[in-house]
Amino acid sequence: AWVADITACFADTAAWVANITACSADTTARVTDITACSEDTTAWVAETVYLLADAAFGSKKINLIPTNQKKAV
C-alpha cells in the first residue's frame, strides 16, 4: 500500500508539473497576444492622429510661432 501511495503521489506530482507547464505556456502566449494587440493599437492611434492632422491641416506647414511673435530681421 505504501508503494502504491508513493507511486500515486509521483503521478499526481507529474500531472501537477504538466499542468503548471501548460499554464505557463498559455500565459506566455497570452502575454504575446496582448503585446501584439498593444503594438497594433499604438500603430492605429498613431495612424489616426496622422490622418486627423492631415485632414485638419492638409499639406500646409504648421507655423508654431504666430506671425506677430516673429522677430524682425
N, C-alpha and C. Protein backbone atom coordinates (compact mmCIF):
# COMPACT_ATOMS: atom_id res chain seq x y z
N ALA A 1 0.84 -1.20 0.00
CA ALA A 1 0.00 0.00 0.00
C ALA A 1 0.87 1.25 0.00
N TRP A 2 1.95 1.19 0.73
CA TRP A 2 2.85 2.35 0.82
C TRP A 2 3.45 2.66 -0.55
N VAL A 3 3.90 1.62 -1.25
CA VAL A 3 4.47 1.80 -2.59
C VAL A 3 3.42 2.36 -3.54
N ALA A 4 2.20 1.86 -3.44
CA ALA A 4 1.12 2.34 -4.29
C ALA A 4 0.84 3.81 -4.00
N ASP A 5 0.86 4.18 -2.74
CA ASP A 5 0.63 5.58 -2.36
C ASP A 5 1.73 6.48 -2.92
N ILE A 6 2.97 6.05 -2.79
CA ILE A 6 4.10 6.83 -3.29
C ILE A 6 4.00 6.96 -4.81
N THR A 7 3.66 5.86 -5.48
CA THR A 7 3.53 5.88 -6.95
C THR A 7 2.42 6.85 -7.37
N ALA A 8 1.30 6.79 -6.66
CA ALA A 8 0.19 7.70 -6.96
C ALA A 8 0.59 9.15 -6.71
N CYS A 9 1.35 9.36 -5.65
CA CYS A 9 1.81 10.71 -5.33
C CYS A 9 2.73 11.23 -6.44
N PHE A 10 3.64 10.39 -6.94
CA PHE A 10 4.51 10.79 -8.03
C PHE A 10 3.70 11.10 -9.30
N ALA A 11 2.68 10.27 -9.54
CA ALA A 11 1.83 10.50 -10.71
C ALA A 11 1.10 11.84 -10.57
N ASP A 12 0.59 12.13 -9.37
CA ASP A 12 -0.07 13.40 -9.11
C ASP A 12 0.90 14.56 -9.31
N THR A 13 2.12 14.38 -8.82
CA THR A 13 3.13 15.43 -8.95
C THR A 13 3.46 15.66 -10.42
N ALA A 14 3.60 14.60 -11.18
CA ALA A 14 3.90 14.73 -12.62
C ALA A 14 2.75 15.44 -13.33
N ALA A 15 1.51 15.11 -12.97
CA ALA A 15 0.36 15.77 -13.57
C ALA A 15 0.33 17.24 -13.19
N TRP A 16 0.68 17.54 -11.95
CA TRP A 16 0.71 18.93 -11.47
C TRP A 16 1.76 19.72 -12.25
N VAL A 17 2.95 19.12 -12.42
CA VAL A 17 4.02 19.78 -13.18
C VAL A 17 3.57 20.02 -14.62
N ALA A 18 2.90 19.02 -15.20
CA ALA A 18 2.41 19.18 -16.58
C ALA A 18 1.39 20.32 -16.67
N ASN A 19 0.51 20.41 -15.68
CA ASN A 19 -0.47 21.49 -15.66
C ASN A 19 0.19 22.86 -15.52
N ILE A 20 1.17 22.95 -14.62
CA ILE A 20 1.89 24.22 -14.43
C ILE A 20 2.61 24.61 -15.72
N THR A 21 3.23 23.62 -16.36
CA THR A 21 3.94 23.88 -17.62
C THR A 21 2.99 24.38 -18.69
N ALA A 22 1.82 23.73 -18.81
CA ALA A 22 0.83 24.15 -19.79
C ALA A 22 0.30 25.54 -19.45
N CYS A 23 0.08 25.80 -18.17
CA CYS A 23 -0.41 27.11 -17.74
C CYS A 23 0.62 28.18 -18.08
N SER A 24 1.88 27.88 -17.85
CA SER A 24 2.95 28.81 -18.17
C SER A 24 3.00 29.11 -19.66
N ALA A 25 2.84 28.06 -20.47
CA ALA A 25 2.82 28.24 -21.92
C ALA A 25 1.63 29.10 -22.34
N ASP A 26 0.46 28.84 -21.74
CA ASP A 26 -0.73 29.64 -22.03
C ASP A 26 -0.50 31.10 -21.65
N THR A 27 0.11 31.31 -20.49
CA THR A 27 0.37 32.68 -20.03
C THR A 27 1.32 33.39 -20.98
N THR A 28 2.37 32.68 -21.40
CA THR A 28 3.32 33.26 -22.36
C THR A 28 2.61 33.64 -23.65
N ALA A 29 1.76 32.76 -24.15
CA ALA A 29 1.01 33.04 -25.37
C ALA A 29 0.08 34.23 -25.17
N ARG A 30 -0.54 34.31 -24.01
CA ARG A 30 -1.46 35.42 -23.71
C ARG A 30 -0.68 36.74 -23.68
N VAL A 31 0.48 36.74 -23.03
CA VAL A 31 1.31 37.95 -22.98
C VAL A 31 1.74 38.34 -24.39
N THR A 32 2.11 37.36 -25.21
CA THR A 32 2.48 37.65 -26.60
C THR A 32 1.33 38.28 -27.35
N ASP A 33 0.12 37.73 -27.17
CA ASP A 33 -1.06 38.29 -27.84
C ASP A 33 -1.34 39.71 -27.37
N ILE A 34 -1.25 39.95 -26.06
CA ILE A 34 -1.51 41.28 -25.51
C ILE A 34 -0.48 42.27 -26.04
N THR A 35 0.78 41.84 -26.10
CA THR A 35 1.84 42.71 -26.61
C THR A 35 1.57 43.07 -28.06
N ALA A 36 1.21 42.08 -28.87
CA ALA A 36 0.91 42.34 -30.29
C ALA A 36 -0.29 43.26 -30.42
N CYS A 37 -1.31 43.04 -29.59
CA CYS A 37 -2.50 43.88 -29.62
C CYS A 37 -2.14 45.31 -29.24
N SER A 38 -1.29 45.46 -28.24
CA SER A 38 -0.86 46.79 -27.80
C SER A 38 -0.10 47.50 -28.90
N GLU A 39 0.77 46.76 -29.59
CA GLU A 39 1.53 47.34 -30.71
C GLU A 39 0.59 47.75 -31.84
N ASP A 40 -0.39 46.90 -32.12
CA ASP A 40 -1.38 47.24 -33.15
C ASP A 40 -2.16 48.49 -32.76
N THR A 41 -2.54 48.57 -31.49
CA THR A 41 -3.31 49.72 -31.02
C THR A 41 -2.48 50.99 -31.11
N THR A 42 -1.22 50.91 -30.71
CA THR A 42 -0.32 52.07 -30.79
C THR A 42 -0.18 52.53 -32.23
N ALA A 43 0.01 51.59 -33.14
CA ALA A 43 0.13 51.93 -34.55
C ALA A 43 -1.16 52.55 -35.08
N TRP A 44 -2.30 52.01 -34.65
CA TRP A 44 -3.59 52.53 -35.08
C TRP A 44 -3.79 53.95 -34.58
N VAL A 45 -3.44 54.21 -33.31
CA VAL A 45 -3.57 55.56 -32.75
C VAL A 45 -2.67 56.52 -33.51
N ALA A 46 -1.44 56.12 -33.76
CA ALA A 46 -0.51 56.99 -34.49
C ALA A 46 -1.05 57.30 -35.89
N GLU A 47 -1.55 56.29 -36.56
CA GLU A 47 -2.11 56.48 -37.90
C GLU A 47 -3.34 57.39 -37.84
N THR A 48 -4.19 57.20 -36.85
CA THR A 48 -5.39 58.02 -36.70
C THR A 48 -5.02 59.48 -36.45
N VAL A 49 -4.06 59.70 -35.56
CA VAL A 49 -3.60 61.07 -35.28
C VAL A 49 -3.03 61.69 -36.55
N TYR A 50 -2.23 60.93 -37.28
CA TYR A 50 -1.67 61.44 -38.52
C TYR A 50 -2.77 61.80 -39.52
N LEU A 51 -3.75 60.92 -39.67
CA LEU A 51 -4.84 61.18 -40.61
C LEU A 51 -5.68 62.38 -40.19
N LEU A 52 -5.94 62.51 -38.89
CA LEU A 52 -6.70 63.66 -38.41
C LEU A 52 -5.93 64.96 -38.65
N ALA A 53 -4.63 64.93 -38.37
CA ALA A 53 -3.81 66.12 -38.60
C ALA A 53 -3.76 66.45 -40.09
N ASP A 54 -3.65 65.42 -40.90
CA ASP A 54 -3.61 65.63 -42.35
C ASP A 54 -4.94 66.20 -42.83
N ALA A 55 -6.03 65.70 -42.28
CA ALA A 55 -7.36 66.19 -42.66
C ALA A 55 -7.54 67.64 -42.21
N ALA A 56 -7.02 67.97 -41.03
CA ALA A 56 -7.20 69.31 -40.48
C ALA A 56 -6.29 70.33 -41.16
N PHE A 57 -5.06 69.93 -41.45
CA PHE A 57 -4.08 70.89 -41.94
C PHE A 57 -3.64 70.63 -43.38
N GLY A 58 -4.01 69.48 -43.91
CA GLY A 58 -3.59 69.15 -45.27
C GLY A 58 -2.08 69.12 -45.36
N SER A 59 -1.56 69.54 -46.48
CA SER A 59 -0.12 69.52 -46.67
C SER A 59 0.50 70.86 -46.25
N LYS A 60 -0.31 71.75 -45.69
CA LYS A 60 0.22 73.04 -45.24
C LYS A 60 1.17 72.82 -44.08
N LYS A 61 2.22 73.60 -44.04
CA LYS A 61 3.12 73.54 -42.90
C LYS A 61 2.45 74.24 -41.73
N ILE A 62 2.60 73.67 -40.56
CA ILE A 62 2.01 74.27 -39.37
C ILE A 62 3.03 75.24 -38.78
N ASN A 63 2.64 76.51 -38.70
CA ASN A 63 3.52 77.53 -38.15
C ASN A 63 3.26 77.64 -36.66
N LEU A 64 4.22 77.20 -35.86
CA LEU A 64 4.01 77.16 -34.42
C LEU A 64 4.21 78.54 -33.78
N ILE A 65 4.90 79.44 -34.47
CA ILE A 65 5.12 80.78 -33.92
C ILE A 65 4.21 81.76 -34.65
N PRO A 66 3.30 82.40 -33.94
CA PRO A 66 2.42 83.36 -34.60
C PRO A 66 3.23 84.45 -35.29
N THR A 67 2.68 84.96 -36.37
CA THR A 67 3.40 85.95 -37.18
C THR A 67 3.80 87.16 -36.36
N ASN A 68 2.94 87.62 -35.48
CA ASN A 68 3.24 88.82 -34.71
C ASN A 68 4.29 88.58 -33.61
N GLN A 69 4.67 87.31 -33.42
CA GLN A 69 5.69 87.00 -32.41
C GLN A 69 7.08 86.88 -33.03
N LYS A 70 7.15 86.86 -34.36
CA LYS A 70 8.45 86.67 -35.01
C LYS A 70 9.29 87.95 -34.88
N LYS A 71 10.56 87.77 -34.71
CA LYS A 71 11.47 88.92 -34.61
C LYS A 71 11.75 89.45 -36.01
N ALA A 72 11.84 90.74 -36.12
CA ALA A 72 12.18 91.35 -37.41
C ALA A 72 13.64 91.08 -37.71
N VAL A 73 13.89 90.80 -38.96
CA VAL A 73 15.27 90.51 -39.36
C VAL A 73 15.93 91.80 -39.79
